């Protein structure tokens, strides 16, 4: 999709969407393809998998912490 086509799906200014696209491109989650005057953005699912694998240990840690917090809050309500 082009930046304009992507931006049309959001209630935000096009420069804001362009900035996000720039960041996602720098992170290699998107790749750009120039076709004439238009730039098309393509999703890179392989990079998403890499990021998901990196985040997984942190997700487990936060799940554990939130579960402990939930238990504390349940016990607090009982008192």
N, C-alpha and C. Protein backbone atom coordinates (compact mmCIF):
# COMPACT_ATOMS: atom_id res chain seq x y z
N UNK A 1 0.84 -1.19 0.00
CA UNK A 1 0.00 0.00 0.00
C UNK A 1 0.88 1.24 0.00
N UNK A 2 0.35 2.31 -0.51
CA UNK A 2 1.06 3.59 -0.46
C UNK A 2 0.80 4.24 0.89
N UNK A 3 1.60 5.25 1.22
CA UNK A 3 1.42 5.97 2.49
C UNK A 3 0.02 6.59 2.55
N UNK A 4 -0.44 7.14 1.44
CA UNK A 4 -1.77 7.75 1.41
C UNK A 4 -2.87 6.73 1.66
N UNK A 5 -2.74 5.55 1.06
CA UNK A 5 -3.74 4.50 1.25
C UNK A 5 -3.75 4.02 2.70
N UNK A 6 -2.57 3.91 3.27
CA UNK A 6 -2.49 3.50 4.69
C UNK A 6 -3.08 4.58 5.57
N UNK A 7 -2.72 5.84 5.32
CA UNK A 7 -3.19 6.96 6.14
C UNK A 7 -4.71 7.10 6.09
N UNK A 8 -5.33 6.73 4.97
CA UNK A 8 -6.78 6.89 4.84
C UNK A 8 -7.55 5.97 5.79
N UNK A 9 -6.87 5.01 6.38
CA UNK A 9 -7.51 4.09 7.33
C UNK A 9 -7.44 4.57 8.78
N UNK A 10 -6.83 5.72 9.01
CA UNK A 10 -6.62 6.22 10.37
C UNK A 10 -7.10 7.65 10.51
N UNK A 11 -7.55 8.00 11.70
CA UNK A 11 -8.00 9.37 11.99
C UNK A 11 -6.83 10.17 12.56
N UNK A 12 -5.79 10.31 11.76
CA UNK A 12 -4.62 11.08 12.19
C UNK A 12 -4.02 11.74 10.96
N UNK A 13 -3.17 12.71 11.19
CA UNK A 13 -2.56 13.46 10.08
C UNK A 13 -1.62 12.56 9.28
N UNK A 14 -1.57 12.79 7.99
CA UNK A 14 -0.71 11.97 7.13
C UNK A 14 0.76 12.05 7.54
N UNK A 15 1.30 13.22 7.96
CA UNK A 15 2.70 13.25 8.41
C UNK A 15 2.96 12.32 9.60
N UNK A 16 1.96 12.17 10.46
CA UNK A 16 2.10 11.26 11.60
C UNK A 16 2.22 9.83 11.11
N UNK A 17 1.38 9.45 10.17
CA UNK A 17 1.44 8.11 9.59
C UNK A 17 2.78 7.92 8.88
N UNK A 18 3.23 8.92 8.14
CA UNK A 18 4.51 8.82 7.44
C UNK A 18 5.66 8.61 8.41
N UNK A 19 5.62 9.27 9.56
CA UNK A 19 6.66 9.09 10.57
C UNK A 19 6.65 7.66 11.10
N UNK A 20 5.47 7.12 11.35
CA UNK A 20 5.36 5.73 11.81
C UNK A 20 5.89 4.77 10.73
N UNK A 21 5.55 5.03 9.49
CA UNK A 21 6.03 4.19 8.40
C UNK A 21 7.56 4.23 8.32
N UNK A 22 8.12 5.42 8.54
CA UNK A 22 9.58 5.56 8.52
C UNK A 22 10.21 4.70 9.62
N UNK A 23 9.65 4.77 10.82
CA UNK A 23 10.19 3.99 11.94
C UNK A 23 10.05 2.49 11.67
N UNK A 24 8.88 2.07 11.19
CA UNK A 24 8.67 0.65 10.89
C UNK A 24 9.60 0.17 9.78
N UNK A 25 9.92 1.05 8.83
CA UNK A 25 10.86 0.70 7.77
C UNK A 25 12.28 0.57 8.33
N UNK A 26 12.66 1.50 9.20
CA UNK A 26 13.99 1.43 9.83
C UNK A 26 14.14 0.16 10.66
N UNK A 27 13.06 -0.29 11.26
CA UNK A 27 13.07 -1.53 12.06
C UNK A 27 12.93 -2.77 11.19
N UNK A 28 12.79 -2.58 9.92
CA UNK A 28 12.65 -3.64 8.92
C UNK A 28 11.35 -4.44 9.05
N UNK A 29 10.35 -3.85 9.70
CA UNK A 29 9.02 -4.47 9.73
C UNK A 29 8.28 -4.21 8.43
N UNK A 30 8.67 -3.15 7.75
CA UNK A 30 8.14 -2.82 6.42
C UNK A 30 9.32 -2.67 5.47
N UNK A 31 9.06 -2.95 4.20
CA UNK A 31 10.06 -2.64 3.19
C UNK A 31 9.38 -1.76 2.14
N UNK A 32 10.18 -0.89 1.55
CA UNK A 32 9.66 0.04 0.55
C UNK A 32 9.98 -0.47 -0.85
N UNK A 33 9.04 -0.20 -1.76
CA UNK A 33 9.25 -0.53 -3.16
C UNK A 33 8.81 0.67 -4.00
N UNK A 34 9.74 1.26 -4.69
CA UNK A 34 9.45 2.42 -5.54
C UNK A 34 8.87 1.93 -6.86
N UNK A 35 7.70 2.45 -7.22
CA UNK A 35 7.08 2.17 -8.52
C UNK A 35 6.68 3.50 -9.12
N UNK A 36 7.53 4.00 -10.01
CA UNK A 36 7.30 5.33 -10.58
C UNK A 36 7.45 6.37 -9.48
N UNK A 37 6.41 7.19 -9.32
CA UNK A 37 6.45 8.23 -8.30
C UNK A 37 5.94 7.74 -6.95
N UNK A 38 5.36 6.57 -6.93
CA UNK A 38 4.76 6.03 -5.70
C UNK A 38 5.73 5.11 -4.96
N UNK A 39 5.63 5.14 -3.64
CA UNK A 39 6.36 4.20 -2.80
C UNK A 39 5.33 3.28 -2.16
N UNK A 40 5.51 2.00 -2.36
CA UNK A 40 4.62 1.00 -1.77
C UNK A 40 5.31 0.36 -0.58
N UNK A 41 4.54 0.15 0.48
CA UNK A 41 5.05 -0.46 1.70
C UNK A 41 4.54 -1.90 1.78
N UNK A 42 5.46 -2.80 2.10
CA UNK A 42 5.14 -4.22 2.22
C UNK A 42 5.54 -4.69 3.62
N UNK A 43 4.67 -5.48 4.22
CA UNK A 43 4.90 -6.04 5.55
C UNK A 43 5.95 -7.14 5.47
N UNK A 44 6.85 -7.19 6.45
CA UNK A 44 7.89 -8.22 6.52
C UNK A 44 7.58 -9.17 7.68
N UNK A 45 6.84 -10.26 7.45
CA UNK A 45 6.46 -11.16 8.55
C UNK A 45 7.64 -11.84 9.21
N UNK A 46 8.75 -12.02 8.49
CA UNK A 46 9.92 -12.66 9.10
C UNK A 46 10.49 -11.81 10.23
N UNK A 47 10.49 -10.50 10.04
CA UNK A 47 11.00 -9.60 11.08
C UNK A 47 10.06 -9.60 12.28
N UNK A 48 8.76 -9.69 12.04
CA UNK A 48 7.79 -9.74 13.13
C UNK A 48 8.03 -10.99 13.98
N UNK A 49 8.33 -12.10 13.34
CA UNK A 49 8.62 -13.33 14.06
C UNK A 49 9.87 -13.15 14.93
N UNK A 50 10.88 -12.50 14.39
CA UNK A 50 12.11 -12.23 15.13
C UNK A 50 11.83 -11.37 16.36
N UNK A 51 11.01 -10.35 16.20
CA UNK A 51 10.66 -9.47 17.32
C UNK A 51 9.84 -10.23 18.36
N UNK A 52 8.90 -11.04 17.91
CA UNK A 52 8.07 -11.83 18.83
C UNK A 52 8.93 -12.77 19.66
N UNK A 53 9.91 -13.39 19.03
CA UNK A 53 10.82 -14.28 19.76
C UNK A 53 11.65 -13.52 20.77
N UNK A 54 12.06 -12.31 20.44
CA UNK A 54 12.84 -11.49 21.37
C UNK A 54 12.00 -11.07 22.57
N UNK A 55 10.74 -10.75 22.33
CA UNK A 55 9.85 -10.25 23.39
C UNK A 55 9.34 -11.36 24.30
N UNK A 56 9.29 -12.58 23.83
CA UNK A 56 8.67 -13.69 24.56
C UNK A 56 9.15 -13.83 26.02
N UNK A 57 10.47 -13.81 26.31
CA UNK A 57 10.88 -13.94 27.71
C UNK A 57 10.34 -12.80 28.59
N UNK A 58 10.24 -11.61 28.02
CA UNK A 58 9.71 -10.47 28.78
C UNK A 58 8.22 -10.64 29.02
N UNK A 59 7.51 -11.17 28.02
CA UNK A 59 6.07 -11.41 28.15
C UNK A 59 5.82 -12.38 29.31
N UNK A 60 6.59 -13.44 29.37
CA UNK A 60 6.44 -14.42 30.46
C UNK A 60 6.70 -13.76 31.81
N UNK A 61 7.75 -12.93 31.89
CA UNK A 61 8.07 -12.25 33.13
C UNK A 61 6.91 -11.35 33.57
N UNK A 62 6.37 -10.55 32.63
CA UNK A 62 5.28 -9.64 32.98
C UNK A 62 3.99 -10.40 33.31
N UNK A 63 3.73 -11.50 32.63
CA UNK A 63 2.57 -12.32 32.98
C UNK A 63 2.67 -12.80 34.42
N UNK A 64 3.85 -13.25 34.81
CA UNK A 64 4.06 -13.71 36.18
C UNK A 64 3.84 -12.58 37.18
N UNK A 65 4.39 -11.42 36.89
CA UNK A 65 4.25 -10.27 37.80
C UNK A 65 2.78 -9.83 37.91
N UNK A 66 2.08 -9.78 36.78
CA UNK A 66 0.67 -9.38 36.82
C UNK A 66 -0.19 -10.42 37.52
N UNK A 67 0.13 -11.69 37.37
CA UNK A 67 -0.61 -12.73 38.09
C UNK A 67 -0.41 -12.60 39.60
N UNK A 68 0.81 -12.29 40.03
CA UNK A 68 1.08 -12.08 41.46
C UNK A 68 0.32 -10.85 41.97
N UNK A 69 0.32 -9.79 41.18
CA UNK A 69 -0.41 -8.58 41.56
C UNK A 69 -1.90 -8.86 41.68
N UNK A 70 -2.44 -9.61 40.74
CA UNK A 70 -3.85 -9.96 40.79
C UNK A 70 -4.18 -10.74 42.06
N UNK A 71 -3.32 -11.66 42.44
CA UNK A 71 -3.53 -12.45 43.65
C UNK A 71 -3.50 -11.56 44.89
N UNK A 72 -2.57 -10.63 44.94
CA UNK A 72 -2.48 -9.70 46.06
C UNK A 72 -3.76 -8.87 46.15
N UNK A 73 -4.24 -8.40 45.01
CA UNK A 73 -5.45 -7.56 45.01
C UNK A 73 -6.68 -8.37 45.43
N UNK A 74 -6.77 -9.62 45.00
CA UNK A 74 -7.89 -10.46 45.42
C UNK A 74 -7.88 -10.66 46.93
N UNK A 75 -6.71 -10.91 47.48
CA UNK A 75 -6.60 -11.11 48.93
C UNK A 75 -6.87 -9.82 49.69
N UNK A 76 -6.51 -8.68 49.14
CA UNK A 76 -6.75 -7.40 49.78
C UNK A 76 -8.24 -7.12 49.90
N UNK A 77 -9.01 -7.46 48.88
CA UNK A 77 -10.45 -7.23 48.89
C UNK A 77 -11.14 -8.07 49.96
N UNK A 78 -10.60 -9.22 50.26
CA UNK A 78 -11.20 -10.13 51.23
C UNK A 78 -11.06 -9.63 52.66
N UNK A 79 -10.04 -8.85 52.92
CA UNK A 79 -9.77 -8.40 54.29
C UNK A 79 -10.64 -7.25 54.71
